[in-house]
N, C-alpha and C. Protein backbone atom coordinates (compact mmCIF):
# COMPACT_ATOMS: atom_id res chain seq x y z
N MET A 1 -19.97 -47.05 26.61
CA MET A 1 -18.68 -47.03 25.96
C MET A 1 -18.83 -46.81 24.46
N GLN A 2 -19.90 -47.37 23.89
CA GLN A 2 -20.15 -47.24 22.46
C GLN A 2 -20.42 -45.78 22.08
N LYS A 3 -21.14 -45.06 22.94
CA LYS A 3 -21.42 -43.64 22.66
C LYS A 3 -20.14 -42.82 22.72
N HIS A 4 -19.25 -43.18 23.62
CA HIS A 4 -17.98 -42.45 23.75
C HIS A 4 -17.14 -42.60 22.48
N ARG A 5 -17.07 -43.82 21.93
CA ARG A 5 -16.31 -44.05 20.70
C ARG A 5 -16.92 -43.26 19.54
N TRP A 6 -18.26 -43.28 19.47
CA TRP A 6 -18.92 -42.56 18.40
C TRP A 6 -18.66 -41.06 18.51
N ALA A 7 -18.67 -40.54 19.74
CA ALA A 7 -18.42 -39.11 19.96
C ALA A 7 -16.99 -38.74 19.57
N VAL A 8 -16.03 -39.59 19.91
CA VAL A 8 -14.64 -39.33 19.54
C VAL A 8 -14.49 -39.35 18.01
N PHE A 9 -15.11 -40.33 17.36
CA PHE A 9 -15.06 -40.41 15.91
C PHE A 9 -15.68 -39.17 15.26
N ALA A 10 -16.82 -38.74 15.77
CA ALA A 10 -17.51 -37.57 15.22
C ALA A 10 -16.66 -36.32 15.41
N ALA A 11 -16.02 -36.19 16.57
CA ALA A 11 -15.18 -35.01 16.82
C ALA A 11 -13.96 -35.01 15.90
N ALA A 12 -13.34 -36.17 15.70
CA ALA A 12 -12.18 -36.26 14.81
C ALA A 12 -12.59 -35.94 13.36
N PHE A 13 -13.74 -36.42 12.95
CA PHE A 13 -14.23 -36.15 11.61
C PHE A 13 -14.50 -34.66 11.43
N LEU A 14 -15.06 -34.03 12.44
CA LEU A 14 -15.35 -32.60 12.38
C LEU A 14 -14.06 -31.79 12.30
N VAL A 15 -13.06 -32.15 13.11
CA VAL A 15 -11.78 -31.43 13.09
C VAL A 15 -11.11 -31.58 11.72
N ALA A 16 -11.15 -32.80 11.15
CA ALA A 16 -10.57 -33.01 9.83
C ALA A 16 -11.29 -32.18 8.78
N GLY A 17 -12.60 -32.11 8.87
CA GLY A 17 -13.36 -31.31 7.91
C GLY A 17 -13.03 -29.83 8.00
N VAL A 18 -12.86 -29.33 9.21
CA VAL A 18 -12.50 -27.92 9.40
C VAL A 18 -11.10 -27.66 8.84
N ALA A 19 -10.17 -28.61 9.06
CA ALA A 19 -8.82 -28.44 8.55
C ALA A 19 -8.79 -28.40 7.02
N VAL A 20 -9.55 -29.26 6.39
CA VAL A 20 -9.60 -29.28 4.92
C VAL A 20 -10.25 -28.00 4.40
N ALA A 21 -11.31 -27.56 5.04
CA ALA A 21 -11.97 -26.32 4.61
C ALA A 21 -11.03 -25.12 4.76
N ALA A 22 -10.27 -25.09 5.84
CA ALA A 22 -9.33 -23.99 6.05
C ALA A 22 -8.23 -24.01 4.99
N ALA A 23 -7.79 -25.20 4.61
CA ALA A 23 -6.74 -25.30 3.60
C ALA A 23 -7.22 -24.78 2.25
N PHE A 24 -8.45 -25.10 1.89
CA PHE A 24 -8.99 -24.63 0.61
C PHE A 24 -9.38 -23.16 0.64
N ALA A 25 -9.66 -22.62 1.81
CA ALA A 25 -10.10 -21.23 1.91
C ALA A 25 -8.93 -20.26 2.00
N GLY A 26 -7.71 -20.78 2.14
CA GLY A 26 -6.53 -19.92 2.27
C GLY A 26 -6.32 -19.07 1.03
N PRO A 27 -5.51 -18.04 1.17
CA PRO A 27 -5.27 -17.16 0.03
C PRO A 27 -4.55 -17.91 -1.09
N ASN A 28 -4.91 -17.60 -2.31
CA ASN A 28 -4.32 -18.23 -3.48
C ASN A 28 -3.11 -17.40 -3.89
N ARG A 29 -1.93 -17.84 -3.48
CA ARG A 29 -0.72 -17.10 -3.81
C ARG A 29 -0.12 -17.63 -5.10
N SER A 30 0.04 -16.78 -6.03
CA SER A 30 0.61 -17.16 -7.31
C SER A 30 2.12 -16.98 -7.26
N SER A 31 2.83 -17.93 -7.84
CA SER A 31 4.29 -17.81 -7.87
C SER A 31 4.76 -17.37 -9.26
N ALA A 32 3.87 -16.85 -10.06
CA ALA A 32 4.22 -16.44 -11.41
C ALA A 32 5.22 -15.30 -11.38
N GLY A 33 6.13 -15.33 -12.34
CA GLY A 33 7.11 -14.25 -12.47
C GLY A 33 8.39 -14.48 -11.68
N LYS A 34 8.54 -15.62 -11.05
CA LYS A 34 9.76 -15.89 -10.28
C LYS A 34 10.79 -16.55 -11.19
N THR A 35 12.05 -16.46 -10.80
CA THR A 35 13.14 -17.10 -11.52
C THR A 35 13.72 -18.21 -10.65
N PHE A 36 13.84 -19.40 -11.23
CA PHE A 36 14.41 -20.54 -10.53
C PHE A 36 15.71 -20.92 -11.21
N TYR A 37 16.76 -21.10 -10.40
CA TYR A 37 18.07 -21.45 -10.92
C TYR A 37 18.33 -22.94 -10.74
N PHE A 38 18.68 -23.61 -11.83
CA PHE A 38 19.08 -25.01 -11.80
C PHE A 38 20.60 -24.99 -11.93
N ILE A 39 21.30 -25.59 -10.98
CA ILE A 39 22.76 -25.57 -10.99
C ILE A 39 23.26 -27.02 -11.03
N PRO A 40 23.33 -27.60 -12.23
CA PRO A 40 23.79 -28.98 -12.34
C PRO A 40 25.31 -29.07 -12.21
N LYS A 41 25.78 -30.21 -11.78
CA LYS A 41 27.22 -30.44 -11.68
C LYS A 41 27.82 -30.55 -13.07
N ASP A 42 27.12 -31.22 -13.97
CA ASP A 42 27.62 -31.42 -15.33
C ASP A 42 26.47 -31.16 -16.29
N THR A 43 26.55 -30.08 -17.05
CA THR A 43 25.44 -29.72 -17.94
C THR A 43 25.33 -30.62 -19.17
N LEU A 44 26.31 -31.50 -19.38
CA LEU A 44 26.25 -32.42 -20.52
C LEU A 44 25.78 -33.82 -20.12
N ASN A 45 25.54 -34.05 -18.86
CA ASN A 45 25.06 -35.34 -18.38
C ASN A 45 23.62 -35.52 -18.87
N PRO A 46 23.31 -36.65 -19.53
CA PRO A 46 21.95 -36.84 -20.06
C PRO A 46 20.86 -36.75 -18.99
N TYR A 47 21.14 -37.24 -17.78
CA TYR A 47 20.15 -37.15 -16.71
C TYR A 47 19.87 -35.68 -16.37
N GLU A 48 20.91 -34.89 -16.28
CA GLU A 48 20.73 -33.47 -15.97
C GLU A 48 19.95 -32.76 -17.07
N VAL A 49 20.22 -33.12 -18.31
CA VAL A 49 19.52 -32.50 -19.45
C VAL A 49 18.03 -32.81 -19.37
N ILE A 50 17.69 -34.08 -19.07
CA ILE A 50 16.28 -34.47 -18.96
C ILE A 50 15.61 -33.76 -17.79
N ALA A 51 16.30 -33.68 -16.65
CA ALA A 51 15.73 -33.01 -15.47
C ALA A 51 15.53 -31.52 -15.74
N ASP A 52 16.50 -30.90 -16.39
CA ASP A 52 16.38 -29.48 -16.71
C ASP A 52 15.22 -29.22 -17.67
N ARG A 53 15.04 -30.12 -18.63
CA ARG A 53 13.94 -29.98 -19.60
C ARG A 53 12.59 -30.09 -18.88
N GLY A 54 12.47 -31.06 -17.97
CA GLY A 54 11.22 -31.20 -17.21
C GLY A 54 10.95 -29.99 -16.36
N GLY A 55 12.01 -29.46 -15.76
CA GLY A 55 11.85 -28.24 -14.95
C GLY A 55 11.39 -27.06 -15.80
N LYS A 56 11.95 -26.95 -17.00
CA LYS A 56 11.56 -25.85 -17.88
C LYS A 56 10.09 -25.96 -18.29
N ILE A 57 9.64 -27.18 -18.60
CA ILE A 57 8.24 -27.39 -18.98
C ILE A 57 7.31 -26.98 -17.83
N ALA A 58 7.64 -27.44 -16.62
CA ALA A 58 6.79 -27.13 -15.47
C ALA A 58 6.80 -25.64 -15.15
N LEU A 59 7.97 -25.03 -15.16
CA LEU A 59 8.05 -23.61 -14.82
C LEU A 59 7.40 -22.73 -15.88
N THR A 60 7.50 -23.13 -17.14
CA THR A 60 6.84 -22.36 -18.20
C THR A 60 5.33 -22.42 -18.03
N GLU A 61 4.83 -23.59 -17.66
CA GLU A 61 3.38 -23.73 -17.44
C GLU A 61 2.91 -22.86 -16.27
N LEU A 62 3.77 -22.69 -15.27
CA LEU A 62 3.43 -21.87 -14.11
C LEU A 62 3.81 -20.39 -14.31
N LYS A 63 4.24 -20.05 -15.53
CA LYS A 63 4.62 -18.68 -15.90
C LYS A 63 5.80 -18.18 -15.09
N ASN A 64 6.79 -19.04 -14.93
CA ASN A 64 8.04 -18.69 -14.25
C ASN A 64 9.19 -18.86 -15.22
N LYS A 65 10.36 -18.42 -14.79
CA LYS A 65 11.54 -18.46 -15.64
C LYS A 65 12.56 -19.44 -15.05
N GLN A 66 13.26 -20.16 -15.91
CA GLN A 66 14.29 -21.09 -15.48
C GLN A 66 15.63 -20.63 -16.03
N VAL A 67 16.66 -20.70 -15.17
CA VAL A 67 18.02 -20.41 -15.59
C VAL A 67 18.86 -21.63 -15.23
N VAL A 68 19.49 -22.24 -16.24
CA VAL A 68 20.38 -23.38 -16.02
C VAL A 68 21.79 -22.85 -16.13
N GLN A 69 22.55 -22.98 -15.05
CA GLN A 69 23.88 -22.41 -15.03
C GLN A 69 24.78 -23.28 -14.17
N SER A 70 25.91 -23.65 -14.72
CA SER A 70 26.87 -24.45 -13.98
C SER A 70 27.88 -23.51 -13.34
N GLY A 71 28.35 -23.89 -12.15
CA GLY A 71 29.31 -23.05 -11.45
C GLY A 71 30.64 -22.95 -12.16
N THR A 72 31.03 -24.00 -12.86
CA THR A 72 32.28 -23.99 -13.61
C THR A 72 32.01 -24.45 -15.02
N GLU A 73 32.97 -24.24 -15.88
CA GLU A 73 32.81 -24.69 -17.26
C GLU A 73 32.97 -26.21 -17.32
N ASP A 74 32.19 -26.82 -18.19
CA ASP A 74 32.34 -28.25 -18.40
C ASP A 74 33.64 -28.49 -19.17
N SER A 75 34.37 -29.48 -18.77
CA SER A 75 35.58 -29.84 -19.49
C SER A 75 35.61 -31.35 -19.68
N ARG A 76 36.57 -31.82 -20.45
CA ARG A 76 36.67 -33.25 -20.69
C ARG A 76 36.89 -33.99 -19.38
N LEU A 77 37.67 -33.43 -18.48
CA LEU A 77 37.95 -34.09 -17.20
C LEU A 77 36.73 -34.14 -16.29
N SER A 78 35.85 -33.18 -16.39
CA SER A 78 34.67 -33.18 -15.52
C SER A 78 33.68 -34.27 -15.91
N ARG A 79 33.80 -34.78 -17.14
CA ARG A 79 32.87 -35.83 -17.59
C ARG A 79 33.38 -37.24 -17.30
N LEU A 80 34.62 -37.37 -16.84
CA LEU A 80 35.15 -38.68 -16.51
C LEU A 80 34.55 -39.16 -15.20
N PRO A 81 34.26 -40.46 -15.10
CA PRO A 81 33.73 -40.97 -13.82
C PRO A 81 34.78 -40.86 -12.73
N SER A 82 34.31 -40.61 -11.53
CA SER A 82 35.26 -40.48 -10.43
C SER A 82 35.83 -41.86 -10.08
N ARG A 83 37.07 -41.88 -9.64
CA ARG A 83 37.72 -43.14 -9.28
C ARG A 83 37.95 -43.14 -7.78
N PRO A 84 37.80 -44.32 -7.14
CA PRO A 84 38.08 -44.38 -5.71
C PRO A 84 39.56 -44.15 -5.44
N ALA A 85 39.85 -43.56 -4.32
CA ALA A 85 41.25 -43.28 -3.96
C ALA A 85 41.97 -44.61 -3.72
N ARG A 86 43.22 -44.65 -4.15
CA ARG A 86 44.02 -45.85 -3.94
C ARG A 86 44.63 -45.84 -2.55
N ARG A 87 44.69 -47.01 -1.97
CA ARG A 87 45.31 -47.13 -0.65
C ARG A 87 46.81 -47.25 -0.80
N ALA A 88 47.49 -46.61 0.10
CA ALA A 88 48.95 -46.72 0.10
C ALA A 88 49.37 -48.09 0.60
N SER A 89 50.31 -48.73 -0.08
CA SER A 89 50.74 -50.07 0.31
C SER A 89 51.90 -50.02 1.26
């Protein structure tokens, strides 16, 4: 029984090694030159600004382009917090 466990362990280790080797031997595909669109709900939200900045840093390092574009114009009403609907009495 001990030999059987050792054989199963050795086979699993070998399969894992082959899988790792295959992953590293795969073709190196570069994503340079692509354009990524960031579409925030509110372009003036501080969280969105920070996320967009981080995305720009990462994409610039990978030699890609970032476009930040909102579907609609920001307005004073779009920056107000949403309110729960009132129940009819």
